[in-house]
Amino acid sequence: MSKSDYLEANLINHVLRGIAYPVPVSIWVALFTTAPTEAGGGVEVSGGSYTRQQALWTAPAGGSTTNTADIIFPVATANWGVVTSFALFDAVVAGNMLYYANLNAPRNVQINDLVKFPAGQLQVTED
């Protein structure tokens, strides 16, 4: 996963300049039909029962962490379109994007589809 400009700036300020970083209370996974960039943007899925889903993370090992449990989005009650990417945010609505990545394979989410990331599938690695 790549870091957002927001996270990069906060990490530099915190680690190298001693400026406190507002630690997120929880992390939320968002789905996108147009990929965000490190500056943000992109087109997040909306409507059809879509809502960001909370993710919990393992303790870091070797510079990496993964989601501890399945991340399951609500069953789509409308077509969500072709989901191409996802991002991690510090809020269930709006908030700041922290990390983002493209899916290995885009997925056309239609009515009655369920999107799920099994435990251990999402990995954040610090290089």
C-alpha atoms as a PDB file:
ATOM      1  CA  MET A   1       0.000   0.000   0.000  1.00  0.00           C
ATOM      2  CA  SER A   2       1.072   3.554  -0.614  1.00  0.00           C
ATOM      3  CA  LYS A   3       0.870   6.351   1.943  1.00  0.00           C
ATOM      4  CA  SER A   4      -1.205   9.469   1.429  1.00  0.00           C
ATOM      5  CA  ASP A   5       0.389  12.922   1.470  1.00  0.00           C
ATOM      6  CA  TYR A   6      -1.483  13.524   4.747  1.00  0.00           C
ATOM      7  CA  LEU A   7       0.110  10.517   6.463  1.00  0.00           C
ATOM      8  CA  GLU A   8       3.587  11.207   5.042  1.00  0.00           C
ATOM      9  CA  ALA A   9       3.538  14.779   6.362  1.00  0.00           C
ATOM     10  CA  ASN A  10       2.290  13.730   9.793  1.00  0.00           C
ATOM     11  CA  LEU A  11       4.909  10.985  10.137  1.00  0.00           C
ATOM     12  CA  ILE A  12       7.744  13.348   9.169  1.00  0.00           C
ATOM     13  CA  ASN A  13       6.448  16.010  11.545  1.00  0.00           C
ATOM     14  CA  HIS A  14       6.054  13.517  14.388  1.00  0.00           C
ATOM     15  CA  VAL A  15       9.281  11.527  14.022  1.00  0.00           C
ATOM     16  CA  LEU A  16      11.684  14.227  12.846  1.00  0.00           C
ATOM     17  CA  ARG A  17      10.177  17.427  14.200  1.00  0.00           C
ATOM     18  CA  GLY A  18       8.556  16.306  17.475  1.00  0.00           C
ATOM     19  CA  ILE A  19       5.096  17.507  16.440  1.00  0.00           C
ATOM     20  CA  ALA A  20       2.315  15.355  17.903  1.00  0.00           C
ATOM     21  CA  TYR A  21       0.390  13.234  15.401  1.00  0.00           C
ATOM     22  CA  PRO A  22      -3.367  12.911  16.022  1.00  0.00           C
ATOM     23  CA  VAL A  23      -3.542   9.122  16.400  1.00  0.00           C
ATOM     24  CA  PRO A  24      -6.680   7.650  14.785  1.00  0.00           C
ATOM     25  CA  VAL A  25      -9.164   5.982  17.121  1.00  0.00           C
ATOM     26  CA  SER A  26     -10.153   3.472  14.436  1.00  0.00           C
ATOM     27  CA  ILE A  27      -9.313   2.653  10.827  1.00  0.00           C
ATOM     28  CA  TRP A  28     -11.958   2.324   8.117  1.00  0.00           C
ATOM     29  CA  VAL A  29     -11.714   0.618   4.709  1.00  0.00           C
ATOM     30  CA  ALA A  30     -13.257   2.448   1.744  1.00  0.00           C
ATOM     31  CA  LEU A  31     -13.889   1.139  -1.782  1.00  0.00           C
ATOM     32  CA  PHE A  32     -13.277   3.171  -4.948  1.00  0.00           C
ATOM     33  CA  THR A  33     -14.435   2.989  -8.560  1.00  0.00           C
ATOM     34  CA  THR A  34     -11.769   5.501  -9.582  1.00  0.00           C
ATOM     35  CA  ALA A  35      -8.463   5.166  -7.756  1.00  0.00           C
ATOM     36  CA  PRO A  36      -7.302   7.829  -5.322  1.00  0.00           C
ATOM     37  CA  THR A  37      -3.764   9.184  -5.437  1.00  0.00           C
ATOM     38  CA  GLU A  38      -1.494  10.115  -2.578  1.00  0.00           C
ATOM     39  CA  ALA A  39      -3.117  13.569  -2.693  1.00  0.00           C
ATOM     40  CA  GLY A  40      -6.566  11.978  -2.189  1.00  0.00           C
ATOM     41  CA  GLY A  41      -9.394  12.203  -4.679  1.00  0.00           C
ATOM     42  CA  GLY A  42     -10.728   9.204  -6.528  1.00  0.00           C
ATOM     43  CA  VAL A  43     -14.395   8.229  -6.595  1.00  0.00           C
ATOM     44  CA  GLU A  44     -15.577   6.355  -3.520  1.00  0.00           C
ATOM     45  CA  VAL A  45     -18.532   4.002  -3.856  1.00  0.00           C
ATOM     46  CA  SER A  46     -21.787   5.542  -2.633  1.00  0.00           C
ATOM     47  CA  GLY A  47     -25.397   4.460  -2.242  1.00  0.00           C
ATOM     48  CA  GLY A  48     -26.840   0.974  -2.409  1.00  0.00           C
ATOM     49  CA  SER A  49     -26.163   0.304   1.329  1.00  0.00           C
ATOM     50  CA  TYR A  50     -22.427   1.047   0.958  1.00  0.00           C
ATOM     51  CA  THR A  51     -20.583   2.199   4.048  1.00  0.00           C
ATOM     52  CA  ARG A  52     -16.938   2.049   5.055  1.00  0.00           C
ATOM     53  CA  GLN A  53     -16.001  -0.884   7.254  1.00  0.00           C
ATOM     54  CA  GLN A  54     -13.785  -0.860  10.320  1.00  0.00           C
ATOM     55  CA  ALA A  55     -10.573  -2.882  10.290  1.00  0.00           C
ATOM     56  CA  LEU A  56      -8.437  -4.150  13.156  1.00  0.00           C
ATOM     57  CA  TRP A  57      -4.742  -4.914  12.686  1.00  0.00           C
ATOM     58  CA  THR A  58      -2.153  -7.371  13.950  1.00  0.00           C
ATOM     59  CA  ALA A  59       0.908  -6.267  15.894  1.00  0.00           C
ATOM     60  CA  PRO A  60       3.653  -5.366  13.433  1.00  0.00           C
ATOM     61  CA  ALA A  61       6.169  -8.051  12.514  1.00  0.00           C
ATOM     62  CA  GLY A  62       8.989  -7.446  10.072  1.00  0.00           C
ATOM     63  CA  GLY A  63       7.573  -4.019   9.239  1.00  0.00           C
ATOM     64  CA  SER A  64       4.132  -5.353   8.258  1.00  0.00           C
ATOM     65  CA  THR A  65       0.651  -5.738   9.673  1.00  0.00           C
ATOM     66  CA  THR A  66      -2.501  -7.417   8.325  1.00  0.00           C
ATOM     67  CA  ASN A  67      -6.216  -7.225   9.097  1.00  0.00           C
ATOM     68  CA  THR A  68      -7.053  -9.493  12.054  1.00  0.00           C
ATOM     69  CA  ALA A  69     -10.588 -10.387  10.990  1.00  0.00           C
ATOM     70  CA  ASP A  70     -12.723 -10.525   7.856  1.00  0.00           C
ATOM     71  CA  ILE A  71     -13.780  -7.102   6.578  1.00  0.00           C
ATOM     72  CA  ILE A  72     -17.298  -7.534   5.219  1.00  0.00           C
ATOM     73  CA  PHE A  73     -19.194  -4.773   3.430  1.00  0.00           C
ATOM     74  CA  PRO A  74     -23.021  -4.725   3.449  1.00  0.00           C
ATOM     75  CA  VAL A  75     -24.797  -6.587   0.665  1.00  0.00           C
ATOM     76  CA  ALA A  76     -25.157  -4.169  -2.252  1.00  0.00           C
ATOM     77  CA  THR A  77     -28.762  -3.005  -2.680  1.00  0.00           C
ATOM     78  CA  ALA A  78     -27.813  -1.237  -5.938  1.00  0.00           C
ATOM     79  CA  ASN A  79     -24.996  -1.614  -8.438  1.00  0.00           C
ATOM     80  CA  TRP A  80     -21.795  -0.113  -6.994  1.00  0.00           C
ATOM     81  CA  GLY A  81     -19.920  -0.212 -10.291  1.00  0.00           C
ATOM     82  CA  VAL A  82     -16.453  -1.609 -10.957  1.00  0.00           C
ATOM     83  CA  VAL A  83     -14.452  -1.384  -7.737  1.00  0.00           C
ATOM     84  CA  THR A  84     -10.808  -0.848  -8.664  1.00  0.00           C
ATOM     85  CA  SER A  85      -9.140   0.171  -5.428  1.00  0.00           C
ATOM     86  CA  PHE A  86      -9.479   0.728  -1.713  1.00  0.00           C
ATOM     87  CA  ALA A  87      -8.117   3.053   0.935  1.00  0.00           C
ATOM     88  CA  LEU A  88      -7.755   3.250   4.704  1.00  0.00           C
ATOM     89  CA  PHE A  89      -9.268   6.266   6.453  1.00  0.00           C
ATOM     90  CA  ASP A  90      -9.295   7.584  10.011  1.00  0.00           C
ATOM     91  CA  ALA A  91     -13.081   8.140  10.000  1.00  0.00           C
ATOM     92  CA  VAL A  92     -16.224   6.315   8.894  1.00  0.00           C
ATOM     93  CA  VAL A  93     -17.309   9.417   6.934  1.00  0.00           C
ATOM     94  CA  ALA A  94     -14.952  11.996   5.376  1.00  0.00           C
ATOM     95  CA  GLY A  95     -11.768  11.956   7.492  1.00  0.00           C
ATOM     96  CA  ASN A  96      -8.209  11.605   6.264  1.00  0.00           C
ATOM     97  CA  MET A  97      -6.958   8.983   3.848  1.00  0.00           C
ATOM     98  CA  LEU A  98      -3.936   7.154   5.278  1.00  0.00           C
ATOM     99  CA  TYR A  99      -3.063   4.386   2.791  1.00  0.00           C
ATOM    100  CA  TYR A 100      -4.414   3.339  -0.601  1.00  0.00           C
ATOM    101  CA  ALA A 101      -3.929   0.547  -3.146  1.00  0.00           C
ATOM    102  CA  ASN A 102      -5.433  -0.966  -6.276  1.00  0.00           C
ATOM    103  CA  LEU A 103      -7.166  -4.324  -6.114  1.00  0.00           C
ATOM    104  CA  ASN A 104      -5.318  -7.201  -7.793  1.00  0.00           C
ATOM    105  CA  ALA A 105      -8.410  -7.646  -9.979  1.00  0.00           C
ATOM    106  CA  PRO A 106     -11.173  -5.023 -10.357  1.00  0.00           C
ATOM    107  CA  ARG A 107     -14.618  -6.301  -9.382  1.00  0.00           C
ATOM    108  CA  ASN A 108     -17.995  -5.304 -10.799  1.00  0.00           C
ATOM    109  CA  VAL A 109     -20.226  -5.137  -7.707  1.00  0.00           C
ATOM    110  CA  GLN A 110     -23.887  -5.565  -8.577  1.00  0.00           C
ATOM    111  CA  ILE A 111     -27.142  -5.852  -6.591  1.00  0.00           C
ATOM    112  CA  ASN A 112     -26.969  -8.605  -3.924  1.00  0.00           C
ATOM    113  CA  ASP A 113     -23.152  -8.888  -4.168  1.00  0.00           C
ATOM    114  CA  LEU A 114     -21.024  -9.024  -1.049  1.00  0.00           C
ATOM    115  CA  VAL A 115     -17.484  -7.631  -0.868  1.00  0.00           C
ATOM    116  CA  LYS A 116     -15.208  -9.267   1.670  1.00  0.00           C
ATOM    117  CA  PHE A 117     -11.519  -9.061   2.523  1.00  0.00           C
ATOM    118  CA  PRO A 118     -10.634 -12.221   4.478  1.00  0.00           C
ATOM    119  CA  ALA A 119      -8.478 -11.921   7.598  1.00  0.00           C
ATOM    120  CA  GLY A 120      -4.848 -11.453   6.636  1.00  0.00           C
ATOM    121  CA  GLN A 121      -5.595 -10.308   3.075  1.00  0.00           C
ATOM    122  CA  LEU A 122      -4.913  -6.602   3.536  1.00  0.00           C
ATOM    123  CA  GLN A 123      -1.284  -5.918   4.347  1.00  0.00           C
ATOM    124  CA  VAL A 124       0.380  -2.642   5.246  1.00  0.00           C
ATOM    125  CA  THR A 125       4.161  -2.710   4.960  1.00  0.00           C
ATOM    126  CA  GLU A 126       6.614   0.000   5.911  1.00  0.00           C
ATOM    127  CA  ASP A 127       9.683  -0.148   3.685  1.00  0.00           C
END
